[in-house]
């Protein structure tokens, strides 16, 4: 269940509410004259991503990984 709080009360208690939200991970809906105007929600964990598997799903084609990129006649190393 989302906590509801008026904008004036939120302004007065902002830092305390943010601290509590970081502990209980429950979003807070801010209202103005009884109408919801904003939602404050915790950020998901931002653990550093592992480099292993970081490119997973990025390969578009994988025909023959051992085939040469160019034909031998298409390039000249002496240029």
N, C-alpha and C. Protein backbone atom coordinates (compact mmCIF):
# COMPACT_ATOMS: atom_id res chain seq x y z
N UNK A 1 0.85 -1.18 0.00
CA UNK A 1 0.00 0.00 0.00
C UNK A 1 0.89 1.25 0.00
N UNK A 2 0.56 2.20 -0.83
CA UNK A 2 1.33 3.43 -0.94
C UNK A 2 0.93 4.40 0.17
N UNK A 3 1.93 5.02 0.76
CA UNK A 3 1.67 6.04 1.78
C UNK A 3 1.27 7.33 1.08
N UNK A 4 0.31 8.05 1.65
CA UNK A 4 -0.14 9.32 1.10
C UNK A 4 0.24 10.43 2.08
N UNK A 5 0.73 11.55 1.54
CA UNK A 5 1.11 12.67 2.39
C UNK A 5 0.85 13.97 1.63
N UNK A 6 0.37 14.98 2.34
CA UNK A 6 0.11 16.27 1.72
C UNK A 6 1.41 16.98 1.37
N UNK A 7 1.37 17.83 0.37
CA UNK A 7 2.57 18.53 -0.10
C UNK A 7 3.20 19.39 0.99
N UNK A 8 2.40 20.07 1.79
CA UNK A 8 2.95 20.91 2.86
C UNK A 8 3.67 20.06 3.91
N UNK A 9 3.07 18.94 4.27
CA UNK A 9 3.70 18.04 5.23
C UNK A 9 4.95 17.42 4.64
N UNK A 10 4.89 17.06 3.36
CA UNK A 10 6.07 16.51 2.69
C UNK A 10 7.22 17.51 2.72
N UNK A 11 6.91 18.76 2.45
CA UNK A 11 7.94 19.80 2.46
C UNK A 11 8.60 19.91 3.83
N UNK A 12 7.81 19.81 4.88
CA UNK A 12 8.33 19.92 6.24
C UNK A 12 9.11 18.69 6.68
N UNK A 13 8.77 17.51 6.14
CA UNK A 13 9.36 16.26 6.61
C UNK A 13 10.12 15.51 5.52
N UNK A 14 10.50 16.20 4.47
CA UNK A 14 11.09 15.55 3.29
C UNK A 14 12.26 14.62 3.63
N UNK A 15 13.26 15.10 4.33
CA UNK A 15 14.44 14.29 4.61
C UNK A 15 14.11 13.06 5.45
N UNK A 16 13.24 13.22 6.43
CA UNK A 16 12.83 12.09 7.27
C UNK A 16 12.09 11.05 6.44
N UNK A 17 11.20 11.50 5.54
CA UNK A 17 10.44 10.58 4.70
C UNK A 17 11.37 9.82 3.73
N UNK A 18 12.35 10.52 3.19
CA UNK A 18 13.29 9.86 2.28
C UNK A 18 14.09 8.80 3.03
N UNK A 19 14.51 9.12 4.25
CA UNK A 19 15.26 8.15 5.06
C UNK A 19 14.41 6.93 5.37
N UNK A 20 13.15 7.15 5.75
CA UNK A 20 12.26 6.03 6.07
C UNK A 20 12.00 5.18 4.82
N UNK A 21 11.82 5.85 3.68
CA UNK A 21 11.55 5.12 2.44
C UNK A 21 12.74 4.25 2.05
N UNK A 22 13.96 4.73 2.29
CA UNK A 22 15.14 3.94 1.95
C UNK A 22 15.23 2.69 2.83
N UNK A 23 14.60 2.71 4.00
CA UNK A 23 14.61 1.56 4.89
C UNK A 23 13.48 0.58 4.57
N UNK A 24 12.24 1.09 4.37
CA UNK A 24 11.11 0.19 4.16
C UNK A 24 10.77 -0.03 2.69
N UNK A 25 11.40 0.71 1.78
CA UNK A 25 11.23 0.55 0.32
C UNK A 25 9.78 0.70 -0.14
N UNK A 26 8.98 1.48 0.58
CA UNK A 26 7.60 1.73 0.18
C UNK A 26 7.50 3.11 -0.44
N UNK A 27 6.86 3.23 -1.62
CA UNK A 27 6.71 4.54 -2.26
C UNK A 27 5.80 5.47 -1.45
N UNK A 28 5.97 6.76 -1.68
CA UNK A 28 5.16 7.78 -1.00
C UNK A 28 4.49 8.61 -2.08
N UNK A 29 3.17 8.74 -2.01
CA UNK A 29 2.42 9.58 -2.95
C UNK A 29 2.19 10.93 -2.29
N UNK A 30 2.55 11.98 -3.00
CA UNK A 30 2.40 13.35 -2.50
C UNK A 30 1.13 13.93 -3.10
N UNK A 31 0.30 14.50 -2.24
CA UNK A 31 -0.99 15.04 -2.70
C UNK A 31 -1.03 16.54 -2.48
N UNK A 32 -1.87 17.17 -3.28
CA UNK A 32 -2.14 18.60 -3.12
C UNK A 32 -3.65 18.75 -3.19
N UNK A 33 -4.21 19.23 -2.11
CA UNK A 33 -5.67 19.35 -1.98
C UNK A 33 -6.36 18.00 -2.21
N UNK A 34 -5.74 16.94 -1.71
CA UNK A 34 -6.32 15.61 -1.78
C UNK A 34 -6.10 14.86 -3.09
N UNK A 35 -5.48 15.51 -4.07
CA UNK A 35 -5.24 14.87 -5.37
C UNK A 35 -3.76 14.47 -5.48
N UNK A 36 -3.48 13.27 -5.93
CA UNK A 36 -2.09 12.86 -6.10
C UNK A 36 -1.41 13.71 -7.18
N UNK A 37 -0.21 14.23 -6.87
CA UNK A 37 0.52 15.04 -7.83
C UNK A 37 1.91 14.47 -8.14
N UNK A 38 2.43 13.63 -7.25
CA UNK A 38 3.75 13.05 -7.47
C UNK A 38 3.90 11.78 -6.64
N UNK A 39 4.82 10.94 -7.08
CA UNK A 39 5.14 9.74 -6.32
C UNK A 39 6.65 9.68 -6.12
N UNK A 40 7.05 9.47 -4.91
CA UNK A 40 8.45 9.31 -4.56
C UNK A 40 8.65 7.82 -4.31
N UNK A 41 9.57 7.22 -5.07
CA UNK A 41 9.80 5.79 -4.90
C UNK A 41 11.28 5.50 -4.82
N UNK A 42 11.65 4.43 -4.11
CA UNK A 42 13.06 4.12 -3.95
C UNK A 42 13.68 3.66 -5.27
N UNK A 43 14.96 3.94 -5.40
CA UNK A 43 15.71 3.51 -6.58
C UNK A 43 16.10 2.06 -6.37
N UNK A 44 16.00 1.28 -7.43
CA UNK A 44 16.43 -0.11 -7.33
C UNK A 44 17.93 -0.16 -7.12
N UNK A 45 18.37 -1.24 -6.52
CA UNK A 45 19.78 -1.40 -6.21
C UNK A 45 20.65 -1.13 -7.43
N UNK A 46 21.68 -0.31 -7.24
CA UNK A 46 22.58 0.02 -8.33
C UNK A 46 23.95 -0.60 -8.08
N UNK A 47 23.94 -1.92 -7.92
CA UNK A 47 25.20 -2.62 -7.73
C UNK A 47 25.98 -2.56 -9.03
N UNK A 48 27.30 -2.49 -8.93
CA UNK A 48 28.09 -2.46 -10.15
C UNK A 48 27.86 -3.74 -10.96
N UNK A 49 27.63 -3.55 -12.24
CA UNK A 49 27.38 -4.69 -13.11
C UNK A 49 28.67 -5.44 -13.37
N UNK A 50 28.55 -6.73 -13.45
CA UNK A 50 29.71 -7.57 -13.75
C UNK A 50 30.02 -7.45 -15.23
N UNK A 51 31.30 -7.45 -15.55
CA UNK A 51 31.69 -7.39 -16.96
C UNK A 51 31.37 -8.71 -17.66
N UNK A 52 31.32 -9.78 -16.89
CA UNK A 52 30.97 -11.08 -17.45
C UNK A 52 29.50 -11.07 -17.86
N UNK A 53 29.23 -11.27 -19.11
CA UNK A 53 27.87 -11.29 -19.61
C UNK A 53 27.30 -9.92 -19.92
N UNK A 54 28.12 -8.87 -19.85
CA UNK A 54 27.63 -7.52 -20.08
C UNK A 54 27.13 -7.31 -21.51
N UNK A 55 27.68 -8.04 -22.47
CA UNK A 55 27.30 -7.88 -23.88
C UNK A 55 26.26 -8.92 -24.32
N UNK A 56 25.73 -9.69 -23.38
CA UNK A 56 24.77 -10.73 -23.71
C UNK A 56 23.58 -10.15 -24.47
N UNK A 57 23.23 -10.78 -25.58
CA UNK A 57 22.10 -10.34 -26.38
C UNK A 57 22.43 -9.26 -27.39
N UNK A 58 23.69 -8.86 -27.49
CA UNK A 58 24.03 -7.77 -28.39
C UNK A 58 24.51 -8.24 -29.77
N UNK A 59 24.76 -9.54 -29.94
CA UNK A 59 25.23 -10.06 -31.22
C UNK A 59 24.04 -10.21 -32.15
N UNK A 60 24.12 -9.56 -33.31
CA UNK A 60 23.01 -9.61 -34.25
C UNK A 60 23.15 -10.78 -35.22
N UNK A 61 24.39 -11.10 -35.60
CA UNK A 61 24.65 -12.20 -36.52
C UNK A 61 25.89 -12.94 -36.09
N UNK A 62 25.88 -14.25 -36.27
CA UNK A 62 27.01 -15.06 -35.86
C UNK A 62 27.13 -16.21 -36.86
N UNK A 63 27.52 -15.89 -38.10
CA UNK A 63 27.57 -16.90 -39.15
C UNK A 63 28.73 -17.87 -38.93
N UNK A 64 29.95 -17.38 -39.12
CA UNK A 64 31.13 -18.23 -38.98
C UNK A 64 32.22 -17.39 -38.32
N UNK A 65 32.43 -17.56 -37.04
CA UNK A 65 33.40 -16.71 -36.35
C UNK A 65 34.85 -16.93 -36.76
N UNK A 66 35.15 -18.06 -37.40
CA UNK A 66 36.53 -18.35 -37.79
C UNK A 66 36.83 -17.96 -39.23
N UNK A 67 35.84 -17.53 -39.98
CA UNK A 67 36.04 -17.14 -41.37
C UNK A 67 36.74 -15.77 -41.42
N UNK A 68 37.59 -15.55 -42.43
CA UNK A 68 38.24 -14.23 -42.55
C UNK A 68 37.22 -13.13 -42.80
N UNK A 69 37.52 -11.95 -42.33
CA UNK A 69 36.62 -10.81 -42.49
C UNK A 69 36.59 -10.38 -43.96
N UNK A 70 37.76 -10.36 -44.59
CA UNK A 70 37.88 -9.99 -46.00
C UNK A 70 38.52 -11.13 -46.78
N UNK A 71 38.30 -11.14 -48.06
CA UNK A 71 39.00 -12.09 -48.92
C UNK A 71 40.44 -11.62 -49.06
N UNK A 72 41.40 -12.52 -49.22
CA UNK A 72 42.81 -12.13 -49.31
C UNK A 72 43.11 -11.09 -50.39
N UNK A 73 42.38 -11.11 -51.49
CA UNK A 73 42.62 -10.16 -52.57
C UNK A 73 42.02 -8.78 -52.31
N UNK A 74 41.19 -8.63 -51.26
CA UNK A 74 40.52 -7.35 -50.98
C UNK A 74 41.39 -6.35 -50.22
N UNK A 75 42.57 -6.77 -49.76
CA UNK A 75 43.40 -5.86 -48.98
C UNK A 75 44.85 -6.05 -49.35
N UNK A 76 45.64 -5.02 -49.09
CA UNK A 76 47.06 -5.07 -49.40
C UNK A 76 47.80 -4.48 -48.21
N UNK A 77 48.56 -5.31 -47.52
CA UNK A 77 49.27 -4.87 -46.34
C UNK A 77 50.43 -3.96 -46.66
N UNK A 78 50.85 -3.90 -47.92
CA UNK A 78 52.01 -3.09 -48.30
C UNK A 78 51.61 -1.63 -48.58
N UNK A 79 50.37 -1.27 -48.57
CA UNK A 79 49.95 0.10 -48.89
C UNK A 79 50.40 1.09 -47.90
